[in-house]
């Protein structure tokens, strides 16, 4: 379900686009655009969009950390030195192929 404090019809948005965008830039809110009573799009300020991106990035990083901790708990990890040695070897192989 799409939730936002404010909504307006797509036709109203077309008629009042400048005012809506000004309001969203001032408040940082999001607004649902509807068509035939159904949500069709969400409009938000650049600031709100950036905040969503930051939150999503944080959530992705947290999920990666949690997955890594789980794998370590299951003894699926390996020493960093071993990983780095393997990576170094692969990089040297690629460099040799390009030469």
PDB file of N, CA and C in Angstrom:
ATOM      1  N   UNK A   1       0.841  -1.188   0.000  1.00  0.00           N
ATOM      2  CA  UNK A   1       0.000   0.000   0.000  1.00  0.00           C
ATOM      3  C   UNK A   1       0.882   1.245   0.000  1.00  0.00           C
ATOM      4  N   UNK A   2       0.540   2.192  -0.813  1.00  0.00           N
ATOM      5  CA  UNK A   2       1.265   3.448  -0.895  1.00  0.00           C
ATOM      6  C   UNK A   2       0.701   4.398   0.149  1.00  0.00           C
ATOM      7  N   UNK A   3       1.610   4.938   0.964  1.00  0.00           N
ATOM      8  CA  UNK A   3       1.150   5.882   1.990  1.00  0.00           C
ATOM      9  C   UNK A   3       1.916   7.190   1.850  1.00  0.00           C
ATOM     10  N   UNK A   4       1.199   8.255   1.906  1.00  0.00           N
ATOM     11  CA  UNK A   4       1.793   9.585   1.955  1.00  0.00           C
ATOM     12  C   UNK A   4       0.758  10.497   2.587  1.00  0.00           C
ATOM     13  N   UNK A   5       1.242  11.545   3.212  1.00  0.00           N
ATOM     14  CA  UNK A   5       0.333  12.470   3.879  1.00  0.00           C
ATOM     15  C   UNK A   5      -0.590  13.173   2.897  1.00  0.00           C
ATOM     16  N   UNK A   6      -0.075  13.490   1.729  1.00  0.00           N
ATOM     17  CA  UNK A   6      -0.847  14.264   0.762  1.00  0.00           C
ATOM     18  C   UNK A   6      -0.938  13.514  -0.554  1.00  0.00           C
ATOM     19  N   UNK A   7      -2.033  13.772  -1.247  1.00  0.00           N
ATOM     20  CA  UNK A   7      -2.188  13.227  -2.585  1.00  0.00           C
ATOM     21  C   UNK A   7      -2.981  14.222  -3.418  1.00  0.00           C
ATOM     22  N   UNK A   8      -2.853  14.066  -4.710  1.00  0.00           N
ATOM     23  CA  UNK A   8      -3.636  14.880  -5.631  1.00  0.00           C
ATOM     24  C   UNK A   8      -3.771  14.115  -6.934  1.00  0.00           C
ATOM     25  N   UNK A   9      -4.779  14.469  -7.676  1.00  0.00           N
ATOM     26  CA  UNK A   9      -4.989  13.794  -8.951  1.00  0.00           C
ATOM     27  C   UNK A   9      -3.907  14.217  -9.938  1.00  0.00           C
ATOM     28  N   UNK A  10      -3.693  13.358 -10.892  1.00  0.00           N
ATOM     29  CA  UNK A  10      -2.724  13.662 -11.938  1.00  0.00           C
ATOM     30  C   UNK A  10      -3.127  14.931 -12.691  1.00  0.00           C
ATOM     31  N   UNK A  11      -4.428  15.106 -12.911  1.00  0.00           N
ATOM     32  CA  UNK A  11      -4.907  16.328 -13.586  1.00  0.00           C
ATOM     33  C   UNK A  11      -4.603  17.573 -12.764  1.00  0.00           C
ATOM     34  N   UNK A  12      -4.829  17.507 -11.435  1.00  0.00           N
ATOM     35  CA  UNK A  12      -4.508  18.657 -10.579  1.00  0.00           C
ATOM     36  C   UNK A  12      -3.012  18.941 -10.607  1.00  0.00           C
ATOM     37  N   UNK A  13      -2.213  17.877 -10.608  1.00  0.00           N
ATOM     38  CA  UNK A  13      -0.765  18.056 -10.665  1.00  0.00           C
ATOM     39  C   UNK A  13      -0.362  18.773 -11.953  1.00  0.00           C
ATOM     40  N   UNK A  14      -0.944  18.347 -13.077  1.00  0.00           N
ATOM     41  CA  UNK A  14      -0.640  19.010 -14.355  1.00  0.00           C
ATOM     42  C   UNK A  14      -0.977  20.499 -14.303  1.00  0.00           C
ATOM     43  N   UNK A  15      -2.126  20.801 -13.685  1.00  0.00           N
ATOM     44  CA  UNK A  15      -2.568  22.196 -13.609  1.00  0.00           C
ATOM     45  C   UNK A  15      -1.741  23.021 -12.627  1.00  0.00           C
ATOM     46  N   UNK A  16      -1.200  22.377 -11.596  1.00  0.00           N
ATOM     47  CA  UNK A  16      -0.515  23.097 -10.519  1.00  0.00           C
ATOM     48  C   UNK A  16       0.910  22.579 -10.293  1.00  0.00           C
ATOM     49  N   UNK A  17       1.535  22.138 -11.334  1.00  0.00           N
ATOM     50  CA  UNK A  17       2.854  21.507 -11.236  1.00  0.00           C
ATOM     51  C   UNK A  17       3.860  22.391 -10.502  1.00  0.00           C
ATOM     52  N   UNK A  18       3.972  23.644 -10.890  1.00  0.00           N
ATOM     53  CA  UNK A  18       4.964  24.532 -10.277  1.00  0.00           C
ATOM     54  C   UNK A  18       4.718  24.698  -8.781  1.00  0.00           C
ATOM     55  N   UNK A  19       3.458  24.899  -8.397  1.00  0.00           N
ATOM     56  CA  UNK A  19       3.144  25.076  -6.977  1.00  0.00           C
ATOM     57  C   UNK A  19       3.439  23.806  -6.185  1.00  0.00           C
ATOM     58  N   UNK A  20       3.102  22.660  -6.768  1.00  0.00           N
ATOM     59  CA  UNK A  20       3.360  21.400  -6.086  1.00  0.00           C
ATOM     60  C   UNK A  20       4.850  21.183  -5.882  1.00  0.00           C
ATOM     61  N   UNK A  21       5.631  21.411  -6.923  1.00  0.00           N
ATOM     62  CA  UNK A  21       7.080  21.217  -6.813  1.00  0.00           C
ATOM     63  C   UNK A  21       7.700  22.197  -5.823  1.00  0.00           C
ATOM     64  N   UNK A  22       7.228  23.431  -5.823  1.00  0.00           N
ATOM     65  CA  UNK A  22       7.719  24.408  -4.843  1.00  0.00           C
ATOM     66  C   UNK A  22       7.414  23.938  -3.425  1.00  0.00           C
ATOM     67  N   UNK A  23       6.186  23.470  -3.201  1.00  0.00           N
ATOM     68  CA  UNK A  23       5.786  23.001  -1.874  1.00  0.00           C
ATOM     69  C   UNK A  23       6.642  21.812  -1.433  1.00  0.00           C
ATOM     70  N   UNK A  24       6.841  20.861  -2.342  1.00  0.00           N
ATOM     71  CA  UNK A  24       7.634  19.682  -1.985  1.00  0.00           C
ATOM     72  C   UNK A  24       9.080  20.055  -1.681  1.00  0.00           C
ATOM     73  N   UNK A  25       9.630  21.001  -2.426  1.00  0.00           N
ATOM     74  CA  UNK A  25      10.995  21.444  -2.153  1.00  0.00           C
ATOM     75  C   UNK A  25      11.109  22.167  -0.820  1.00  0.00           C
ATOM     76  N   UNK A  26      10.050  22.852  -0.404  1.00  0.00           N
ATOM     77  CA  UNK A  26      10.058  23.543   0.889  1.00  0.00           C
ATOM     78  C   UNK A  26       9.864  22.572   2.046  1.00  0.00           C
ATOM     79  N   UNK A  27       8.949  21.626   1.887  1.00  0.00           N
ATOM     80  CA  UNK A  27       8.612  20.733   2.995  1.00  0.00           C
ATOM     81  C   UNK A  27       9.455  19.465   3.037  1.00  0.00           C
ATOM     82  N   UNK A  28       9.968  19.050   1.880  1.00  0.00           N
ATOM     83  CA  UNK A  28      10.691  17.784   1.824  1.00  0.00           C
ATOM     84  C   UNK A  28       9.772  16.577   1.851  1.00  0.00           C
ATOM     85  N   UNK A  29       8.470  16.799   1.721  1.00  0.00           N
ATOM     86  CA  UNK A  29       7.491  15.715   1.750  1.00  0.00           C
ATOM     87  C   UNK A  29       7.411  14.999   0.411  1.00  0.00           C
ATOM     88  N   UNK A  30       6.700  13.896   0.435  1.00  0.00           N
ATOM     89  CA  UNK A  30       6.353  13.175  -0.785  1.00  0.00           C
ATOM     90  C   UNK A  30       4.860  13.339  -1.015  1.00  0.00           C
ATOM     91  N   UNK A  31       4.447  13.177  -2.244  1.00  0.00           N
ATOM     92  CA  UNK A  31       3.027  13.300  -2.560  1.00  0.00           C
ATOM     93  C   UNK A  31       2.645  12.235  -3.573  1.00  0.00           C
ATOM     94  N   UNK A  32       1.492  11.636  -3.347  1.00  0.00           N
ATOM     95  CA  UNK A  32       0.981  10.604  -4.242  1.00  0.00           C
ATOM     96  C   UNK A  32       0.163  11.271  -5.339  1.00  0.00           C
ATOM     97  N   UNK A  33       0.437  10.895  -6.569  1.00  0.00           N
ATOM     98  CA  UNK A  33      -0.389  11.347  -7.688  1.00  0.00           C
ATOM     99  C   UNK A  33      -1.340  10.203  -8.024  1.00  0.00           C
ATOM    100  N   UNK A  34      -2.619  10.542  -8.132  1.00  0.00           N
ATOM    101  CA  UNK A  34      -3.630   9.517  -8.371  1.00  0.00           C
ATOM    102  C   UNK A  34      -4.284   9.703  -9.726  1.00  0.00           C
ATOM    103  N   UNK A  35      -4.806   8.597 -10.226  1.00  0.00           N
ATOM    104  CA  UNK A  35      -5.586   8.607 -11.454  1.00  0.00           C
ATOM    105  C   UNK A  35      -6.729   7.634 -11.228  1.00  0.00           C
ATOM    106  N   UNK A  36      -7.932   8.101 -11.410  1.00  0.00           N
ATOM    107  CA  UNK A  36      -9.118   7.292 -11.141  1.00  0.00           C
ATOM    108  C   UNK A  36      -9.101   6.723  -9.725  1.00  0.00           C
ATOM    109  N   UNK A  37      -8.599   7.523  -8.789  1.00  0.00           N
ATOM    110  CA  UNK A  37      -8.587   7.126  -7.380  1.00  0.00           C
ATOM    111  C   UNK A  37      -7.485   6.156  -6.999  1.00  0.00           C
ATOM    112  N   UNK A  38      -6.651   5.784  -7.934  1.00  0.00           N
ATOM    113  CA  UNK A  38      -5.563   4.829  -7.663  1.00  0.00           C
ATOM    114  C   UNK A  38      -4.215   5.543  -7.705  1.00  0.00           C
ATOM    115  N   UNK A  39      -3.316   5.153  -6.826  1.00  0.00           N
ATOM    116  CA  UNK A  39      -1.972   5.724  -6.834  1.00  0.00           C
ATOM    117  C   UNK A  39      -1.293   5.364  -8.146  1.00  0.00           C
ATOM    118  N   UNK A  40      -0.713   6.367  -8.801  1.00  0.00           N
ATOM    119  CA  UNK A  40      -0.027   6.150 -10.083  1.00  0.00           C
ATOM    120  C   UNK A  40       1.442   6.527 -10.021  1.00  0.00           C
ATOM    121  N   UNK A  41       1.788   7.465  -9.121  1.00  0.00           N
ATOM    122  CA  UNK A  41       3.182   7.895  -9.027  1.00  0.00           C
ATOM    123  C   UNK A  41       3.393   8.592  -7.691  1.00  0.00           C
ATOM    124  N   UNK A  42       4.668   8.662  -7.309  1.00  0.00           N
ATOM    125  CA  UNK A  42       5.056   9.409  -6.121  1.00  0.00           C
ATOM    126  C   UNK A  42       6.004  10.514  -6.579  1.00  0.00           C
ATOM    127  N   UNK A  43       5.744  11.719  -6.115  1.00  0.00           N
ATOM    128  CA  UNK A  43       6.606  12.851  -6.434  1.00  0.00           C
ATOM    129  C   UNK A  43       7.241  13.303  -5.124  1.00  0.00           C
ATOM    130  N   UNK A  44       8.561  13.516  -5.160  1.00  0.00           N
ATOM    131  CA  UNK A  44       9.229  13.983  -3.961  1.00  0.00           C
ATOM    132  C   UNK A  44      10.356  14.928  -4.308  1.00  0.00           C
ATOM    133  N   UNK A  45      10.775  15.671  -3.329  1.00  0.00           N
ATOM    134  CA  UNK A  45      11.833  16.648  -3.541  1.00  0.00           C
ATOM    135  C   UNK A  45      13.167  15.936  -3.705  1.00  0.00           C
ATOM    136  N   UNK A  46      14.140  16.618  -4.319  1.00  0.00           N
ATOM    137  CA  UNK A  46      15.472  16.022  -4.423  1.00  0.00           C
ATOM    138  C   UNK A  46      16.047  15.665  -3.052  1.00  0.00           C
ATOM    139  N   UNK A  47      15.780  16.500  -2.052  1.00  0.00           N
ATOM    140  CA  UNK A  47      16.275  16.230  -0.698  1.00  0.00           C
ATOM    141  C   UNK A  47      15.670  14.933  -0.149  1.00  0.00           C
ATOM    142  N   UNK A  48      14.374  14.757  -0.331  1.00  0.00           N
ATOM    143  CA  UNK A  48      13.723  13.533   0.143  1.00  0.00           C
ATOM    144  C   UNK A  48      14.243  12.315  -0.607  1.00  0.00           C
ATOM    145  N   UNK A  49      14.478  12.470  -1.903  1.00  0.00           N
ATOM    146  CA  UNK A  49      15.023  11.377  -2.697  1.00  0.00           C
ATOM    147  C   UNK A  49      16.413  10.990  -2.198  1.00  0.00           C
ATOM    148  N   UNK A  50      17.234  11.978  -1.921  1.00  0.00           N
ATOM    149  CA  UNK A  50      18.585  11.721  -1.410  1.00  0.00           C
ATOM    150  C   UNK A  50      18.519  11.008  -0.058  1.00  0.00           C
ATOM    151  N   UNK A  51      17.602  11.426   0.806  1.00  0.00           N
ATOM    152  CA  UNK A  51      17.450  10.770   2.111  1.00  0.00           C
ATOM    153  C   UNK A  51      17.038   9.309   1.941  1.00  0.00           C
ATOM    154  N   UNK A  52      16.162   9.035   0.984  1.00  0.00           N
ATOM    155  CA  UNK A  52      15.774   7.648   0.717  1.00  0.00           C
ATOM    156  C   UNK A  52      16.964   6.835   0.211  1.00  0.00           C
ATOM    157  N   UNK A  53      17.759   7.431  -0.650  1.00  0.00           N
ATOM    158  CA  UNK A  53      18.950   6.742  -1.154  1.00  0.00           C
ATOM    159  C   UNK A  53      19.933   6.429  -0.039  1.00  0.00           C
ATOM    160  N   UNK A  54      20.132   7.371   0.866  1.00  0.00           N
ATOM    161  CA  UNK A  54      21.036   7.158   1.992  1.00  0.00           C
ATOM    162  C   UNK A  54      20.510   6.034   2.875  1.00  0.00           C
ATOM    163  N   UNK A  55      19.209   6.048   3.152  1.00  0.00           N
ATOM    164  CA  UNK A  55      18.616   4.999   3.982  1.00  0.00           C
ATOM    165  C   UNK A  55      18.726   3.632   3.314  1.00  0.00           C
ATOM    166  N   UNK A  56      18.508   3.577   2.017  1.00  0.00           N
ATOM    167  CA  UNK A  56      18.610   2.307   1.293  1.00  0.00           C
ATOM    168  C   UNK A  56      20.046   1.799   1.304  1.00  0.00           C
ATOM    169  N   UNK A  57      20.996   2.681   1.104  1.00  0.00           N
ATOM    170  CA  UNK A  57      22.411   2.304   1.127  1.00  0.00           C
ATOM    171  C   UNK A  57      22.788   1.750   2.503  1.00  0.00           C
ATOM    172  N   UNK A  58      22.332   2.420   3.545  1.00  0.00           N
ATOM    173  CA  UNK A  58      22.604   1.956   4.905  1.00  0.00           C
ATOM    174  C   UNK A  58      22.000   0.576   5.133  1.00  0.00           C
ATOM    175  N   UNK A  59      20.760   0.382   4.697  1.00  0.00           N
ATOM    176  CA  UNK A  59      20.097  -0.916   4.868  1.00  0.00           C
ATOM    177  C   UNK A  59      20.840  -2.010   4.112  1.00  0.00           C
ATOM    178  N   UNK A  60      21.301  -1.714   2.907  1.00  0.00           N
ATOM    179  CA  UNK A  60      22.060  -2.704   2.126  1.00  0.00           C
ATOM    180  C   UNK A  60      23.368  -3.068   2.816  1.00  0.00           C
ATOM    181  N   UNK A  61      24.064  -2.064   3.322  1.00  0.00           N
ATOM    182  CA  UNK A  61      25.327  -2.338   4.017  1.00  0.00           C
ATOM    183  C   UNK A  61      25.088  -3.148   5.281  1.00  0.00           C
ATOM    184  N   UNK A  62      24.040  -2.807   6.018  1.00  0.00           N
ATOM    185  CA  UNK A  62      23.719  -3.542   7.235  1.00  0.00           C
ATOM    186  C   UNK A  62      23.390  -5.000   6.911  1.00  0.00           C
ATOM    187  N   UNK A  63      22.627  -5.222   5.859  1.00  0.00           N
ATOM    188  CA  UNK A  63      22.286  -6.595   5.452  1.00  0.00           C
ATOM    189  C   UNK A  63      23.536  -7.371   5.066  1.00  0.00           C
ATOM    190  N   UNK A  64      24.474  -6.720   4.396  1.00  0.00           N
ATOM    191  CA  UNK A  64      25.729  -7.379   4.019  1.00  0.00           C
ATOM    192  C   UNK A  64      26.532  -7.753   5.255  1.00  0.00           C
ATOM    193  N   UNK A  65      26.604  -6.842   6.212  1.00  0.00           N
ATOM    194  CA  UNK A  65      27.324  -7.126   7.458  1.00  0.00           C
ATOM    195  C   UNK A  65      26.667  -8.286   8.196  1.00  0.00           C
ATOM    196  N   UNK A  66      25.339  -8.284   8.276  1.00  0.00           N
ATOM    197  CA  UNK A  66      24.632  -9.361   8.965  1.00  0.00           C
ATOM    198  C   UNK A  66      24.854 -10.697   8.264  1.00  0.00           C
ATOM    199  N   UNK A  67      24.848 -10.703   6.951  1.00  0.00           N
ATOM    200  CA  UNK A  67      25.098 -11.935   6.201  1.00  0.00           C
ATOM    201  C   UNK A  67      26.520 -12.418   6.454  1.00  0.00           C
ATOM    202  N   UNK A  68      27.466 -11.499   6.479  1.00  0.00           N
ATOM    203  CA  UNK A  68      28.856 -11.864   6.736  1.00  0.00           C
ATOM    204  C   UNK A  68      29.022 -12.445   8.138  1.00  0.00           C
ATOM    205  N   UNK A  69      28.368 -11.827   9.106  1.00  0.00           N
ATOM    206  CA  UNK A  69      28.438 -12.350  10.478  1.00  0.00           C
ATOM    207  C   UNK A  69      27.834 -13.745  10.559  1.00  0.00           C
ATOM    208  N   UNK A  70      26.741 -13.965   9.856  1.00  0.00           N
ATOM    209  CA  UNK A  70      26.109 -15.285   9.836  1.00  0.00           C
ATOM    210  C   UNK A  70      27.057 -16.321   9.236  1.00  0.00           C
ATOM    211  N   UNK A  71      27.680 -15.970   8.106  1.00  0.00           N
ATOM    212  CA  UNK A  71      28.594 -16.899   7.453  1.00  0.00           C
ATOM    213  C   UNK A  71      29.811 -17.191   8.325  1.00  0.00           C
ATOM    214  N   UNK A  72      30.311 -16.177   9.021  1.00  0.00           N
ATOM    215  CA  UNK A  72      31.428 -16.412   9.934  1.00  0.00           C
ATOM    216  C   UNK A  72      31.020 -17.360  11.055  1.00  0.00           C
ATOM    217  N   UNK A  73      29.807 -17.186  11.564  1.00  0.00           N
ATOM    218  CA  UNK A  73      29.289 -18.070  12.610  1.00  0.00           C
ATOM    219  C   UNK A  73      29.141 -19.503  12.129  1.00  0.00           C
ATOM    220  N   UNK A  74      28.970 -19.684  10.827  1.00  0.00           N
ATOM    221  CA  UNK A  74      28.841 -21.014  10.226  1.00  0.00           C
ATOM    222  C   UNK A  74      30.193 -21.525   9.711  1.00  0.00           C
ATOM    223  N   UNK A  75      31.266 -20.852  10.109  1.00  0.00           N
ATOM    224  CA  UNK A  75      32.631 -21.205   9.686  1.00  0.00           C
ATOM    225  C   UNK A  75      32.795 -21.198   8.167  1.00  0.00           C
ATOM    226  N   UNK A  76      32.129 -20.285   7.500  1.00  0.00           N
ATOM    227  CA  UNK A  76      32.252 -20.166   6.052  1.00  0.00           C
ATOM    228  C   UNK A  76      33.277 -19.109   5.660  1.00  0.00           C
ATOM    229  N   UNK A  77      33.860 -18.465   6.649  1.00  0.00           N
ATOM    230  CA  UNK A  77      34.831 -17.427   6.363  1.00  0.00           C
ATOM    231  C   UNK A  77      36.214 -18.014   6.118  1.00  0.00           C
ATOM    232  N   UNK A  78      37.121 -17.150   5.715  1.00  0.00           N
ATOM    233  CA  UNK A  78      38.509 -17.566   5.560  1.00  0.00           C
ATOM    234  C   UNK A  78      39.395 -16.394   5.939  1.00  0.00           C
ATOM    235  N   UNK A  79      40.615 -16.673   6.314  1.00  0.00           N
ATOM    236  CA  UNK A  79      41.504 -15.594   6.751  1.00  0.00           C
ATOM    237  C   UNK A  79      41.708 -14.557   5.647  1.00  0.00           C
ATOM    238  N   UNK A  80      41.793 -13.306   6.052  1.00  0.00           N
ATOM    239  CA  UNK A  80      41.977 -12.212   5.097  1.00  0.00           C
ATOM    240  C   UNK A  80      43.261 -12.377   4.300  1.00  0.00           C
ATOM    241  N   UNK A  81      44.310 -12.852   4.940  1.00  0.00           N
ATOM    242  CA  UNK A  81      45.587 -13.027   4.228  1.00  0.00           C
ATOM    243  C   UNK A  81      45.434 -14.002   3.064  1.00  0.00           C
ATOM    244  N   UNK A  82      44.693 -15.087   3.276  1.00  0.00           N
ATOM    245  CA  UNK A  82      44.478 -16.061   2.215  1.00  0.00           C
ATOM    246  C   UNK A  82      43.694 -15.433   1.065  1.00  0.00           C
ATOM    247  N   UNK A  83      42.630 -14.718   1.402  1.00  0.00           N
ATOM    248  CA  UNK A  83      41.840 -14.040   0.380  1.00  0.00           C
ATOM    249  C   UNK A  83      42.695 -13.058  -0.414  1.00  0.00           C
ATOM    250  N   UNK A  84      43.477 -12.249   0.290  1.00  0.00           N
ATOM    251  CA  UNK A  84      44.301 -11.239  -0.385  1.00  0.00           C
ATOM    252  C   UNK A  84      45.367 -11.889  -1.257  1.00  0.00           C
ATOM    253  N   UNK A  85      45.943 -12.994  -0.796  1.00  0.00           N
ATOM    254  CA  UNK A  85      46.919 -13.711  -1.623  1.00  0.00           C
ATOM    255  C   UNK A  85      46.268 -14.217  -2.910  1.00  0.00           C
ATOM    256  N   UNK A  86      45.055 -14.772  -2.799  1.00  0.00           N
ATOM    257  CA  UNK A  86      44.349 -15.261  -3.990  1.00  0.00           C
ATOM    258  C   UNK A  86      44.010 -14.109  -4.935  1.00  0.00           C
ATOM    259  N   UNK A  87      43.577 -13.010  -4.377  1.00  0.00           N
ATOM    260  CA  UNK A  87      43.240 -11.839  -5.190  1.00  0.00           C
ATOM    261  C   UNK A  87      44.481 -11.315  -5.894  1.00  0.00           C
ATOM    262  N   UNK A  88      45.568 -11.203  -5.173  1.00  0.00           N
ATOM    263  CA  UNK A  88      46.824 -10.737  -5.756  1.00  0.00           C
ATOM    264  C   UNK A  88      47.243 -11.639  -6.911  1.00  0.00           C
ATOM    265  N   UNK A  89      47.121 -12.937  -6.710  1.00  0.00           N
ATOM    266  CA  UNK A  89      47.486 -13.894  -7.757  1.00  0.00           C
ATOM    267  C   UNK A  89      46.615 -13.712  -9.003  1.00  0.00           C
ATOM    268  N   UNK A  90      45.317 -13.534  -8.813  1.00  0.00           N
ATOM    269  CA  UNK A  90      44.409 -13.333  -9.943  1.00  0.00           C
ATOM    270  C   UNK A  90      44.739 -12.049 -10.695  1.00  0.00           C
ATOM    271  N   UNK A  91      45.044 -11.005  -9.956  1.00  0.00           N
ATOM    272  CA  UNK A  91      45.388  -9.733 -10.587  1.00  0.00           C
ATOM    273  C   UNK A  91      46.692  -9.832 -11.373  1.00  0.00           C
ATOM    274  N   UNK A  92      47.648 -10.524 -10.810  1.00  0.00           N
ATOM    275  CA  UNK A  92      48.921 -10.705 -11.516  1.00  0.00           C
ATOM    276  C   UNK A  92      48.724 -11.532 -12.780  1.00  0.00           C
ATOM    277  N   UNK A  93      47.845 -12.549 -12.717  1.00  0.00           N
ATOM    278  CA  UNK A  93      47.542 -13.356 -13.893  1.00  0.00           C
ATOM    279  C   UNK A  93      46.910 -12.499 -14.991  1.00  0.00           C
ATOM    280  N   UNK A  94      45.969 -11.650 -14.610  1.00  0.00           N
ATOM    281  CA  UNK A  94      45.304 -10.771 -15.587  1.00  0.00           C
ATOM    282  C   UNK A  94      46.312  -9.802 -16.206  1.00  0.00           C
ATOM    283  N   UNK A  95      47.186  -9.285 -15.376  1.00  0.00           N
ATOM    284  CA  UNK A  95      48.203  -8.348 -15.874  1.00  0.00           C
ATOM    285  C   UNK A  95      49.118  -9.053 -16.869  1.00  0.00           C
ATOM    286  N   UNK A  96      49.482 -10.285 -16.565  1.00  0.00           N
ATOM    287  CA  UNK A  96      50.346 -11.058 -17.468  1.00  0.00           C
ATOM    288  C   UNK A  96      49.640 -11.347 -18.792  1.00  0.00           C
ATOM    289  N   UNK A  97      48.318 -11.600 -18.728  1.00  0.00           N
ATOM    290  CA  UNK A  97      47.542 -11.856 -19.950  1.00  0.00           C
ATOM    291  C   UNK A  97      47.493 -10.624 -20.844  1.00  0.00           C
ATOM    292  N   UNK A  98      47.456  -9.457 -20.252  1.00  0.00           N
ATOM    293  CA  UNK A  98      47.354  -8.213 -21.019  1.00  0.00           C
ATOM    294  C   UNK A  98      48.694  -7.780 -21.603  1.00  0.00           C
ATOM    295  N   UNK A  99      49.765  -8.305 -21.052  1.00  0.00           N
ATOM    296  CA  UNK A  99      51.108  -7.909 -21.523  1.00  0.00           C
ATOM    297  C   UNK A  99      51.468  -8.553 -22.833  1.00  0.00           C
TER     298      UNK A  99
END
